[in-house]
Amino acid sequence: MMALKNIIIALAGVLLVTGCKKFVDINTDPNNPTTAQLSLLLPATEVSMAANMYQLNSGTATFMQYTVFSSGLSRLQQQGTSFNDSWDGFYTQTLNDIESVIKSGTAQEQWGYVAIAKLEKAYLVSLMVDMWGDIPYSQSQKGQETVSPPFEKGADIYEDLLKMIDEAAADAAKVSAATLVPASSDLLYGGLKSSWLMMAGSLKLKLYNQIRLVNPERSATAIKALIADPVALINTNAMDFTFRFGPGQNPNNRHPWHRSEYQGSKTFYMSQSLIDLLFNNDDPRLRYYIMRQNATAGLNNSANSNGYYGRNPGDGTAAPADLNRRSTFGIYPAGGLYDNAPVNNIPAGNKYLTNTNATGALKVVGPTDGTGAGIMPMITNAMVKFIRAEAALTLNTGDDARQAFKDGITAHLNSLSTYAAANGGIPLPAATITGFTDDLLVKYDAATNAGKLELVMTQKYIAQYGNGMEAYNDYRRTGLPVLRTPLSPLNTFPLRLYYSETELTANTSLGNDASRLQVAQQTTPVFWDK
């Protein structure tokens, strides 16, 4: 787990980088930073990448019915400001600093820094293509040399990123040590070379699966090669590509969902769709995902329910005075509280979501509740297993889809349990993990091929709670899981995200096409969405 001191170091790095933009030291060559600066700049890029995902992750989580970040997005209506903080932050901070690490690290032959920065860039830029489609890329980090970088095709950018991943692996191979950089310089993997190489292979797996509808043969060949290499992919929970926030309040480095909700005001509603999916399927993860503040509150602020008070997707009604009654984020992934209070209407036949040993009490949450040391799951062992199951079912990769499905469920339940135990919650009993997984395998064995894929994607969806972006990718590629029909939608389901209005206003390369380009985002598929 990321140590608190490492987070503070990284935050200091962000402040240092910001400060350097305002002051020039005449005794320092800005084109040749020292190794010490690289050691601060790299972790700063990791912090800023996770921090700048807040708006993007929260908005896509709303589209995918994990949460309700805003009523407009819940009704599928985007604006030019819906995702501008993430867009602007990625370009002006994260990618700019990553490019500095790559350039300076190459000049100094600090290949470990270069390798990590290239993998971070490949991950982030591929995600931006997935979200927005065509974006500024090759000319976007050239400062005053190119102030209005042209938008480039997402398919072309993907090709370059796949090459970049291989380049990063080659750079890593130039480092003979087991660590690419000092542990304090890398908040994600502590500099471990083997972990970063597994991340590289897993990122390639994700990208090739993402484009499988474009070129099935190419994706199948690439994925077969990756699964044939026992050390190419993330294969344990300890190798998860996950950003871990800290428990501190001063400075506040807690998970942004905790900072937003564990206070008097509230931004989110929990999605009634997700609540019902878990509750109706005897899923023990409900107690970890959702924290109730009231034992009898229910939909529409009723007083005769079970405390799982969320909001239906597409509900456009005004919010009542319910800040102390609505459900909020639980212990996972935001670092909130574990809900161990009795639920008054749990079905008698439940085996896993039960009131056994439920001796806790509910409360109105505040800043001192929970640790806030939440996580942003970017590429996890569970996700890799579900990708392998999907690829086996759709591309005939020769992988064992059933085993991958089982391993994905087990990996996520174990990860959830371990995290909860370390953050003031209660771990899942081993018998619950085994029994719950076995029951899903019975359903899997009885399903048609289409039914098997639906089970895989639904379980992946549940396991990806905390990462709306990947669920948004999966839904556009597969149409799964089946989402609840919004109550009063204002638009069609968005196939791309709206661009930052700042970008559209300032980027002169777009000419007179900015307005047309923005409107088209809602209905134009990303290149891999066939």
Protein backbone atom coordinates (compact mmCIF):
# COMPACT_ATOMS: atom_id res chain seq x y z
CA MET A 1 0.00 0.00 0.00
CA MET A 2 1.20 3.50 -0.80
CA ALA A 3 2.74 5.07 2.27
CA LEU A 4 1.38 8.42 3.41
CA LYS A 5 4.81 9.99 3.26
CA ASN A 6 5.05 9.06 -0.39
CA ILE A 7 1.80 10.85 -1.15
CA ILE A 8 3.03 13.95 0.61
CA ILE A 9 6.28 13.78 -1.35
CA ALA A 10 4.28 13.60 -4.56
CA LEU A 11 2.05 16.48 -3.57
CA ALA A 12 5.15 18.49 -2.80
CA GLY A 13 6.34 17.60 -6.28
CA VAL A 14 3.16 19.01 -7.78
CA LEU A 15 3.66 22.24 -5.87
CA LEU A 16 7.27 22.36 -6.95
CA VAL A 17 6.37 21.94 -10.59
CA THR A 18 3.67 24.61 -10.31
CA GLY A 19 6.10 26.97 -8.65
CA CYS A 20 8.70 26.44 -11.35
CA LYS A 21 6.28 27.82 -13.90
CA LYS A 22 6.32 31.19 -12.10
CA PHE A 23 9.98 31.59 -11.26
CA VAL A 24 13.13 31.10 -13.32
CA ASP A 25 16.43 30.20 -11.68
CA ILE A 26 19.21 31.63 -13.85
CA ASN A 27 21.60 29.02 -12.44
CA THR A 28 19.43 26.13 -13.65
CA ASP A 29 19.30 24.85 -17.21
CA PRO A 30 15.57 24.21 -17.81
CA ASN A 31 16.45 21.84 -20.66
CA ASN A 32 18.58 19.60 -18.46
CA PRO A 33 16.84 18.90 -15.14
CA THR A 34 18.72 17.01 -12.46
CA THR A 35 17.98 13.45 -11.39
CA ALA A 36 16.54 14.79 -8.13
CA GLN A 37 13.95 16.74 -10.12
CA LEU A 38 12.96 13.58 -12.00
CA SER A 39 12.50 11.81 -8.71
CA LEU A 40 9.94 14.43 -7.71
CA LEU A 41 8.36 14.97 -11.10
CA LEU A 42 7.47 11.33 -11.81
CA PRO A 43 5.36 10.81 -8.64
CA ALA A 44 3.79 14.21 -9.26
CA THR A 45 2.53 12.94 -12.62
CA GLU A 46 0.96 9.93 -10.90
CA VAL A 47 -0.81 12.12 -8.37
CA SER A 48 -2.06 14.57 -10.98
CA MET A 49 -3.28 11.76 -13.26
CA ALA A 50 -5.43 10.29 -10.47
CA ALA A 51 -6.59 13.70 -9.25
CA ASN A 52 -7.57 14.85 -12.74
CA MET A 53 -9.68 11.72 -13.22
CA TYR A 54 -12.24 12.88 -10.66
CA GLN A 55 -14.66 14.61 -13.02
CA LEU A 56 -14.13 12.07 -15.77
CA ASN A 57 -14.61 9.08 -13.50
CA SER A 58 -17.60 10.56 -11.69
CA GLY A 59 -19.35 11.51 -14.93
CA THR A 60 -18.89 8.15 -16.63
CA ALA A 61 -19.89 6.42 -13.38
CA THR A 62 -23.18 8.30 -13.72
CA PHE A 63 -23.65 7.22 -17.34
CA MET A 64 -23.00 3.66 -16.17
CA GLN A 65 -25.43 3.93 -13.26
CA TYR A 66 -22.94 3.45 -10.45
CA THR A 67 -23.73 6.89 -8.99
CA VAL A 68 -25.58 10.09 -9.80
CA PHE A 69 -22.94 12.82 -10.05
CA SER A 70 -25.35 15.32 -11.59
CA SER A 71 -28.96 15.15 -12.68
CA GLY A 72 -27.99 16.39 -16.15
CA LEU A 73 -25.51 13.59 -16.77
CA SER A 74 -27.94 11.11 -15.25
CA ARG A 75 -30.38 12.22 -17.95
CA LEU A 76 -27.59 11.80 -20.56
CA GLN A 77 -27.27 15.54 -21.22
CA GLN A 78 -23.67 16.77 -21.54
CA GLN A 79 -22.30 20.31 -21.51
CA GLY A 80 -18.99 21.80 -22.54
CA THR A 81 -18.06 22.05 -18.87
CA SER A 82 -19.02 18.47 -17.97
CA PHE A 83 -15.49 17.12 -18.39
CA ASN A 84 -13.37 20.20 -18.95
CA ASP A 85 -11.53 19.94 -15.61
CA SER A 86 -10.23 16.48 -16.51
CA TRP A 87 -9.38 17.44 -20.10
CA ASP A 88 -7.60 20.64 -19.11
CA GLY A 89 -5.80 18.99 -16.21
CA PHE A 90 -4.53 16.11 -18.32
CA TYR A 91 -3.12 18.43 -20.99
CA THR A 92 -1.80 21.33 -18.94
CA GLN A 93 -0.44 19.31 -16.04
CA THR A 94 -0.19 15.52 -16.30
CA LEU A 95 0.83 15.03 -19.93
CA ASN A 96 3.05 18.10 -19.87
CA ASP A 97 4.97 16.73 -16.90
CA ILE A 98 5.10 13.20 -18.32
CA GLU A 99 6.64 14.61 -21.49
CA SER A 100 9.23 16.42 -19.36
CA VAL A 101 10.17 13.15 -17.66
CA ILE A 102 10.52 11.37 -21.01
CA LYS A 103 12.59 14.15 -22.57
CA SER A 104 14.85 14.79 -19.60
CA GLY A 105 15.15 11.11 -18.71
CA THR A 106 16.21 10.28 -22.26
CA ALA A 107 18.82 13.05 -22.26
CA GLN A 108 20.22 11.74 -18.97
CA GLU A 109 19.82 8.07 -19.96
CA GLN A 110 17.65 7.52 -16.91
CA TRP A 111 15.81 4.71 -18.67
CA GLY A 112 13.75 3.59 -15.68
CA TYR A 113 12.06 6.98 -15.49
CA VAL A 114 11.56 6.98 -19.25
CA ALA A 115 10.00 3.51 -19.23
CA ILE A 116 7.51 4.33 -16.48
CA ALA A 117 6.59 7.70 -18.01
CA LYS A 118 5.95 6.11 -21.41
CA LEU A 119 3.69 3.46 -19.89
CA GLU A 120 1.84 6.09 -17.90
CA LYS A 121 1.42 8.15 -21.08
CA ALA A 122 0.23 5.14 -23.09
CA TYR A 123 -2.37 4.34 -20.44
CA LEU A 124 -3.64 7.90 -20.04
CA VAL A 125 -3.73 8.83 -23.73
CA SER A 126 -5.46 5.57 -24.69
CA LEU A 127 -8.06 6.34 -22.04
CA MET A 128 -8.52 9.83 -23.47
CA VAL A 129 -9.06 8.35 -26.94
CA ASP A 130 -11.60 5.96 -25.45
CA MET A 131 -13.46 8.87 -23.86
CA TRP A 132 -13.27 11.58 -26.52
CA GLY A 133 -12.27 9.86 -29.78
CA ASP A 134 -10.09 12.22 -31.82
CA ILE A 135 -7.83 14.37 -29.65
CA PRO A 136 -4.69 16.54 -29.91
CA TYR A 137 -1.72 14.22 -29.60
CA SER A 138 1.65 14.48 -31.33
CA GLN A 139 1.70 18.29 -31.36
CA SER A 140 -0.01 18.81 -28.00
CA GLN A 141 3.04 19.10 -25.73
CA LYS A 142 5.14 21.58 -27.70
CA GLY A 143 4.32 24.70 -25.73
CA GLN A 144 4.47 27.94 -27.68
CA GLU A 145 5.68 26.06 -30.73
CA THR A 146 2.18 24.68 -31.32
CA VAL A 147 -0.46 26.52 -29.32
CA SER A 148 -3.38 25.07 -31.31
CA PRO A 149 -2.48 21.41 -31.88
CA PRO A 150 -4.63 19.64 -34.46
CA PHE A 151 -6.97 16.82 -33.49
CA GLU A 152 -5.70 13.42 -34.66
CA LYS A 153 -7.61 10.22 -35.37
CA GLY A 154 -8.03 7.92 -32.40
CA ALA A 155 -7.16 4.83 -34.46
CA ASP A 156 -3.81 6.36 -35.46
CA ILE A 157 -3.06 7.34 -31.87
CA TYR A 158 -3.77 3.79 -30.70
CA GLU A 159 -1.20 2.45 -33.17
CA ASP A 160 1.43 4.82 -31.84
CA LEU A 161 0.61 3.89 -28.24
CA LEU A 162 0.98 0.17 -28.91
CA LYS A 163 4.48 0.93 -30.24
CA MET A 164 5.16 3.12 -27.21
CA ILE A 165 4.41 0.23 -24.84
CA ASP A 166 7.03 -1.89 -26.62
CA GLU A 167 9.48 1.03 -26.50
CA ALA A 168 8.91 1.32 -22.76
CA ALA A 169 9.63 -2.38 -22.29
CA ALA A 170 12.85 -1.94 -24.26
CA ASP A 171 13.80 1.04 -22.09
CA ALA A 172 13.12 -1.00 -18.96
CA ALA A 173 15.40 -3.74 -20.28
CA LYS A 174 18.28 -1.27 -20.23
CA VAL A 175 18.03 -1.21 -16.43
CA SER A 176 19.79 -4.21 -14.91
CA ALA A 177 18.41 -3.70 -11.39
CA ALA A 178 15.10 -5.11 -10.16
CA THR A 179 13.85 -1.56 -9.63
CA LEU A 180 13.52 0.98 -12.42
CA VAL A 181 13.57 3.98 -10.06
CA PRO A 182 13.83 4.46 -6.29
CA ALA A 183 10.72 3.29 -4.45
CA SER A 184 9.98 6.84 -3.24
CA SER A 185 9.82 8.05 -6.86
CA ASP A 186 6.99 5.73 -7.90
CA LEU A 187 3.71 5.71 -5.99
CA LEU A 188 2.15 2.98 -8.09
CA TYR A 189 4.65 0.12 -7.97
CA GLY A 190 7.55 1.33 -5.85
CA GLY A 191 9.74 1.20 -8.96
CA LEU A 192 9.55 -2.59 -9.37
CA LYS A 193 10.48 -3.53 -12.93
CA SER A 194 8.54 -6.81 -12.95
CA SER A 195 5.34 -5.03 -11.90
CA TRP A 196 5.65 -2.38 -14.60
CA LEU A 197 6.29 -5.03 -17.25
CA MET A 198 3.14 -6.87 -16.15
CA MET A 199 1.27 -3.59 -16.36
CA ALA A 200 2.64 -3.13 -19.90
CA GLY A 201 1.39 -6.53 -21.01
CA SER A 202 -1.97 -6.01 -19.32
CA LEU A 203 -2.38 -2.63 -20.98
CA LYS A 204 -1.73 -4.26 -24.35
CA LEU A 205 -4.28 -6.95 -23.51
CA LYS A 206 -6.83 -4.26 -22.68
CA LEU A 207 -6.16 -2.32 -25.88
CA TYR A 208 -6.25 -5.35 -28.17
CA ASN A 209 -9.49 -6.48 -26.58
CA GLN A 210 -10.84 -2.96 -26.99
CA ILE A 211 -10.23 -3.01 -30.75
CA ARG A 212 -11.39 -6.59 -31.31
CA LEU A 213 -14.41 -5.48 -33.34
CA VAL A 214 -12.15 -3.59 -35.76
CA ASN A 215 -9.72 -6.40 -36.51
CA PRO A 216 -10.66 -9.68 -34.76
CA GLU A 217 -7.80 -11.67 -36.28
CA ARG A 218 -5.16 -9.20 -35.16
CA SER A 219 -6.60 -8.98 -31.65
CA ALA A 220 -6.86 -12.77 -31.34
CA THR A 221 -3.24 -13.27 -32.41
CA ALA A 222 -1.92 -10.60 -30.03
CA ILE A 223 -3.98 -11.84 -27.09
CA LYS A 224 -2.94 -15.46 -27.64
CA ALA A 225 0.70 -14.36 -27.46
CA LEU A 226 0.11 -12.45 -24.24
CA ILE A 227 -1.71 -15.26 -22.43
CA ALA A 228 0.99 -17.73 -23.50
CA ASP A 229 3.61 -15.78 -21.52
CA PRO A 230 3.23 -16.57 -17.79
CA VAL A 231 4.86 -13.30 -16.70
CA ALA A 232 3.35 -10.96 -19.29
CA LEU A 233 0.13 -10.14 -17.43
CA ILE A 234 -0.96 -9.01 -13.98
CA ASN A 235 -1.72 -12.29 -12.23
CA THR A 236 -2.06 -11.44 -8.53
CA ASN A 237 -3.91 -8.71 -6.67
CA ALA A 238 -0.59 -7.41 -5.39
CA MET A 239 0.28 -6.45 -8.96
CA ASP A 240 -2.84 -4.31 -9.52
CA PHE A 241 -2.23 -1.05 -11.36
CA THR A 242 -4.05 0.99 -8.72
CA PHE A 243 -3.61 4.45 -7.28
CA ARG A 244 -3.99 4.51 -3.51
CA PHE A 245 -5.06 7.70 -1.83
CA GLY A 246 -3.99 8.56 1.71
CA PRO A 247 -5.76 9.08 5.04
CA GLY A 248 -4.55 12.62 5.65
CA GLN A 249 -6.75 15.65 6.17
CA ASN A 250 -4.01 18.28 6.31
CA PRO A 251 -2.97 18.19 3.55
CA ASN A 252 -6.10 16.39 2.37
CA ASN A 253 -5.00 13.49 0.18
CA ARG A 254 -8.10 11.35 0.69
CA HIS A 255 -10.15 9.77 -2.05
CA PRO A 256 -12.10 12.55 -3.82
CA TRP A 257 -15.42 10.75 -3.27
CA HIS A 258 -14.70 10.70 0.46
CA ARG A 259 -13.77 14.38 0.47
CA SER A 260 -16.96 15.20 -1.42
CA GLU A 261 -19.44 13.15 0.61
CA TYR A 262 -18.12 12.74 4.16
CA GLN A 263 -19.16 16.23 5.15
CA GLY A 264 -22.35 18.21 5.70
CA SER A 265 -23.01 18.91 2.02
CA LYS A 266 -23.36 16.21 -0.63
CA THR A 267 -22.72 16.05 -4.37
CA PHE A 268 -23.77 12.48 -5.19
CA TYR A 269 -26.71 10.17 -4.94
CA MET A 270 -26.04 6.46 -5.01
CA SER A 271 -27.63 4.80 -8.03
CA GLN A 272 -30.76 2.83 -7.19
CA SER A 273 -29.97 0.69 -10.20
CA LEU A 274 -26.69 -0.56 -8.69
CA ILE A 275 -28.25 -0.92 -5.24
CA ASP A 276 -31.04 -3.09 -6.63
CA LEU A 277 -28.65 -5.17 -8.75
CA LEU A 278 -26.65 -6.11 -5.67
CA PHE A 279 -29.57 -6.42 -3.25
CA ASN A 280 -31.68 -8.58 -5.56
CA ASN A 281 -28.80 -10.93 -6.34
CA ASP A 282 -27.70 -11.67 -2.78
CA ASP A 283 -24.39 -9.91 -3.43
CA PRO A 284 -22.35 -9.33 -0.25
CA ARG A 285 -20.51 -6.43 -1.86
CA LEU A 286 -23.48 -4.14 -1.18
CA ARG A 287 -22.37 -3.60 2.43
CA TYR A 288 -18.93 -2.52 1.19
CA TYR A 289 -20.05 -0.31 -1.69
CA ILE A 290 -22.90 1.57 0.00
CA MET A 291 -23.14 3.11 3.48
CA ARG A 292 -26.64 3.84 4.73
CA GLN A 293 -27.18 6.88 6.94
CA ASN A 294 -30.73 5.94 7.96
CA ALA A 295 -32.32 2.55 8.60
CA THR A 296 -35.70 3.18 6.97
CA ALA A 297 -35.12 5.79 4.28
CA GLY A 298 -35.91 4.77 0.74
CA LEU A 299 -36.42 5.92 -2.82
CA ASN A 300 -37.95 9.41 -3.12
CA ASN A 301 -37.06 10.07 0.52
CA SER A 302 -39.66 7.62 1.80
CA ALA A 303 -39.58 6.54 5.45
CA ASN A 304 -40.67 2.91 5.18
CA SER A 305 -37.84 1.20 3.33
CA ASN A 306 -34.49 -0.37 4.26
CA GLY A 307 -32.12 2.61 4.26
CA TYR A 308 -30.79 2.01 0.76
CA TYR A 309 -31.95 5.39 -0.46
CA GLY A 310 -30.53 6.27 -3.84
CA ARG A 311 -31.87 7.84 -6.98
CA ASN A 312 -33.08 6.24 -10.19
CA PRO A 313 -31.12 7.04 -13.36
CA GLY A 314 -32.70 9.90 -15.25
CA ASP A 315 -34.71 11.23 -12.31
CA GLY A 316 -34.93 14.95 -13.00
CA THR A 317 -36.82 15.99 -9.88
CA ALA A 318 -35.28 18.46 -7.47
CA ALA A 319 -33.37 17.09 -4.49
CA PRO A 320 -35.33 17.26 -1.23
CA ALA A 321 -33.82 18.03 2.16
CA ASP A 322 -32.28 14.59 2.51
CA LEU A 323 -28.56 15.07 3.15
CA ASN A 324 -28.71 13.07 6.37
CA ARG A 325 -30.90 10.31 4.93
CA ARG A 326 -29.56 9.41 1.51
CA SER A 327 -27.08 6.53 1.17
CA THR A 328 -23.47 7.40 0.47
CA PHE A 329 -20.17 5.80 -0.48
CA GLY A 330 -19.10 2.88 1.66
CA ILE A 331 -15.71 1.57 2.61
CA TYR A 332 -14.84 0.53 -0.95
CA PRO A 333 -13.41 2.20 -2.97
CA ALA A 334 -13.69 5.61 -1.29
CA GLY A 335 -12.35 4.72 2.15
CA GLY A 336 -15.66 5.42 3.90
CA LEU A 337 -17.50 3.29 6.42
CA TYR A 338 -18.44 -0.38 6.26
CA ASP A 339 -22.19 -0.87 6.75
CA ASN A 340 -22.55 -3.59 9.39
CA ALA A 341 -26.01 -2.62 10.61
CA PRO A 342 -29.05 -4.89 10.23
CA VAL A 343 -31.15 -4.51 7.09
CA ASN A 344 -34.83 -4.81 7.87
CA ASN A 345 -36.02 -6.64 4.74
CA ILE A 346 -33.25 -8.98 3.64
CA PRO A 347 -34.86 -12.06 2.04
CA ALA A 348 -34.90 -15.08 4.32
CA GLY A 349 -33.32 -17.27 1.65
CA ASN A 350 -30.20 -15.13 1.25
CA LYS A 351 -26.89 -16.88 1.80
CA TYR A 352 -24.34 -14.09 1.40
CA LEU A 353 -26.04 -10.73 1.96
CA THR A 354 -27.44 -11.48 5.40
CA ASN A 355 -27.82 -10.02 8.87
CA THR A 356 -25.57 -12.63 10.45
CA ASN A 357 -23.20 -10.82 12.81
CA ALA A 358 -24.64 -7.47 11.65
CA THR A 359 -24.27 -5.73 14.99
CA GLY A 360 -23.28 -2.25 13.86
CA ALA A 361 -25.22 0.99 13.91
CA LEU A 362 -25.91 3.55 11.21
CA LYS A 363 -24.91 7.18 11.47
CA VAL A 364 -24.78 10.43 9.55
CA VAL A 365 -21.26 10.44 8.18
CA GLY A 366 -18.70 13.18 8.76
CA PRO A 367 -15.07 14.02 7.96
CA THR A 368 -13.64 11.81 10.72
CA ASP A 369 -15.53 8.70 9.57
CA GLY A 370 -13.56 6.14 7.60
CA THR A 371 -9.97 6.53 6.53
CA GLY A 372 -10.43 8.19 3.15
CA ALA A 373 -7.54 6.02 1.99
CA GLY A 374 -9.47 4.84 -1.03
CA ILE A 375 -8.30 3.50 -4.35
CA MET A 376 -8.61 4.19 -8.05
CA PRO A 377 -8.56 0.72 -9.72
CA MET A 378 -7.08 1.30 -13.18
CA ILE A 379 -6.01 -2.17 -14.37
CA THR A 380 -6.47 -4.95 -11.85
CA ASN A 381 -5.94 -8.69 -11.67
CA ALA A 382 -9.72 -9.15 -11.68
CA MET A 383 -10.12 -6.96 -14.77
CA VAL A 384 -7.40 -8.89 -16.60
CA LYS A 385 -9.20 -12.16 -15.86
CA PHE A 386 -12.53 -10.81 -17.10
CA ILE A 387 -10.87 -9.50 -20.27
CA ARG A 388 -9.43 -12.95 -20.88
CA ALA A 389 -12.88 -14.49 -20.40
CA GLU A 390 -14.44 -12.03 -22.86
CA ALA A 391 -11.70 -12.61 -25.42
CA ALA A 392 -12.02 -16.38 -25.09
CA LEU A 393 -15.78 -16.19 -25.70
CA THR A 394 -15.61 -13.74 -28.60
CA LEU A 395 -12.23 -14.36 -30.27
CA ASN A 396 -11.63 -18.06 -29.63
CA THR A 397 -8.26 -17.38 -28.07
CA GLY A 398 -8.01 -20.88 -26.62
CA ASP A 399 -8.17 -19.52 -23.08
CA ASP A 400 -10.44 -21.21 -20.54
CA ALA A 401 -13.30 -18.69 -20.34
CA ARG A 402 -14.95 -20.43 -17.39
CA GLN A 403 -11.75 -20.49 -15.36
CA ALA A 404 -11.02 -16.85 -16.21
CA PHE A 405 -14.56 -15.92 -15.16
CA LYS A 406 -14.11 -17.75 -11.86
CA ASP A 407 -10.68 -16.23 -11.28
CA GLY A 408 -12.01 -12.73 -11.97
CA ILE A 409 -14.78 -13.01 -9.39
CA THR A 410 -12.47 -14.59 -6.82
CA ALA A 411 -9.75 -12.01 -7.38
CA HIS A 412 -12.13 -9.13 -6.85
CA LEU A 413 -13.78 -10.57 -3.76
CA ASN A 414 -10.38 -11.25 -2.20
CA SER A 415 -9.15 -7.77 -3.08
CA LEU A 416 -12.26 -6.19 -1.59
CA SER A 417 -11.91 -8.29 1.55
CA THR A 418 -8.23 -7.46 2.02
CA TYR A 419 -8.86 -3.76 1.50
CA ALA A 420 -11.78 -3.72 3.94
CA ALA A 421 -9.79 -5.49 6.66
CA ALA A 422 -7.03 -2.90 6.35
CA ASN A 423 -9.41 0.06 6.54
CA GLY A 424 -11.66 -0.63 9.49
CA GLY A 425 -14.09 -3.01 7.83
CA ILE A 426 -14.88 -6.70 8.13
CA PRO A 427 -13.30 -9.17 5.69
CA LEU A 428 -15.46 -11.52 3.67
CA PRO A 429 -15.42 -15.05 5.08
CA ALA A 430 -13.60 -17.52 2.83
CA ALA A 431 -16.76 -19.61 2.66
CA THR A 432 -18.69 -16.63 1.33
CA ILE A 433 -16.13 -16.01 -1.41
CA THR A 434 -16.12 -19.67 -2.46
CA GLY A 435 -19.87 -20.17 -2.21
CA PHE A 436 -20.80 -16.96 -4.02
CA THR A 437 -18.38 -17.77 -6.83
CA ASP A 438 -19.59 -21.36 -7.13
CA ASP A 439 -23.21 -20.22 -7.39
CA LEU A 440 -22.29 -17.93 -10.26
CA LEU A 441 -20.48 -20.80 -11.97
CA VAL A 442 -23.70 -22.84 -11.83
CA LYS A 443 -25.44 -20.03 -13.71
CA TYR A 444 -22.52 -19.80 -16.13
CA ASP A 445 -22.63 -23.52 -16.92
CA ALA A 446 -26.36 -23.37 -17.64
CA ALA A 447 -26.15 -20.31 -19.90
CA THR A 448 -25.96 -20.01 -23.67
CA ASN A 449 -22.84 -18.43 -25.17
CA ALA A 450 -24.60 -15.06 -25.17
CA GLY A 451 -25.66 -15.65 -21.58
CA LYS A 452 -22.10 -16.51 -20.59
CA LEU A 453 -20.85 -13.22 -22.05
CA GLU A 454 -23.57 -11.33 -20.21
CA LEU A 455 -22.53 -12.95 -16.92
CA VAL A 456 -18.88 -12.11 -17.57
CA MET A 457 -19.59 -8.47 -18.39
CA THR A 458 -22.05 -8.03 -15.52
CA GLN A 459 -19.57 -9.39 -12.99
CA LYS A 460 -16.82 -7.26 -14.50
CA TYR A 461 -19.13 -4.25 -14.22
CA ILE A 462 -19.72 -4.92 -10.52
CA ALA A 463 -16.00 -5.51 -9.92
CA GLN A 464 -15.09 -2.25 -11.66
CA TYR A 465 -17.08 -0.12 -9.23
CA GLY A 466 -14.86 2.89 -8.68
CA ASN A 467 -13.81 3.09 -12.33
CA GLY A 468 -16.69 4.36 -14.43
CA MET A 469 -14.39 4.90 -17.40
CA GLU A 470 -13.69 1.23 -18.03
CA ALA A 471 -17.34 0.29 -17.52
CA TYR A 472 -18.23 2.98 -20.08
CA ASN A 473 -15.76 1.41 -22.51
CA ASP A 474 -17.17 -2.07 -21.97
CA TYR A 475 -20.77 -0.98 -22.40
CA ARG A 476 -20.14 0.74 -25.72
CA ARG A 477 -18.20 -2.30 -26.97
CA THR A 478 -20.61 -5.01 -25.80
CA GLY A 479 -23.90 -3.38 -24.83
CA LEU A 480 -23.50 -5.05 -21.43
CA PRO A 481 -24.50 -5.08 -18.68
CA VAL A 482 -28.15 -4.31 -19.30
CA LEU A 483 -28.73 -0.86 -17.84
CA ARG A 484 -31.95 0.51 -16.37
CA THR A 485 -33.91 2.75 -18.73
CA PRO A 486 -33.55 6.37 -17.53
CA LEU A 487 -36.77 7.91 -16.24
CA SER A 488 -36.69 11.13 -18.26
CA PRO A 489 -33.65 11.23 -20.55
CA LEU A 490 -32.80 14.46 -22.35
CA ASN A 491 -30.61 12.82 -24.98
CA THR A 492 -29.43 9.49 -26.36
CA PHE A 493 -26.74 7.50 -24.58
CA PRO A 494 -23.46 9.37 -25.31
CA LEU A 495 -21.04 7.50 -27.55
CA ARG A 496 -18.28 10.03 -26.82
CA LEU A 497 -17.78 12.70 -24.20
CA TYR A 498 -18.10 16.39 -24.88
CA TYR A 499 -14.84 18.25 -25.38
CA SER A 500 -13.73 20.97 -23.00
CA GLU A 501 -15.32 24.24 -24.08
CA THR A 502 -11.99 25.89 -23.25
CA GLU A 503 -10.31 23.73 -25.90
CA LEU A 504 -12.97 24.41 -28.51
CA THR A 505 -12.78 28.14 -27.89
CA ALA A 506 -8.99 28.46 -27.85
CA ASN A 507 -7.89 25.91 -30.46
CA THR A 508 -7.84 27.78 -33.75
CA SER A 509 -6.99 24.62 -35.72
CA LEU A 510 -10.67 23.72 -35.52
CA GLY A 511 -11.71 26.72 -37.58
CA ASN A 512 -15.47 27.09 -37.73
CA ASP A 513 -16.11 23.41 -36.94
CA ALA A 514 -16.06 23.59 -33.14
CA SER A 515 -19.82 23.69 -32.57
CA ARG A 516 -20.52 20.97 -35.12
CA LEU A 517 -17.75 18.84 -33.65
CA GLN A 518 -19.18 19.14 -30.14
CA VAL A 519 -22.73 18.19 -31.10
CA ALA A 520 -21.47 15.16 -33.05
CA GLN A 521 -19.73 13.76 -29.97
CA GLN A 522 -23.01 12.48 -28.52
CA THR A 523 -23.78 10.19 -31.48
CA THR A 524 -20.40 9.48 -33.12
CA PRO A 525 -18.85 6.13 -32.11
CA VAL A 526 -15.20 5.87 -31.10
CA PHE A 527 -13.26 4.06 -33.82
CA TRP A 528 -13.34 0.70 -31.99
CA ASP A 529 -17.09 0.84 -31.36
CA LYS A 530 -18.46 -0.97 -34.41
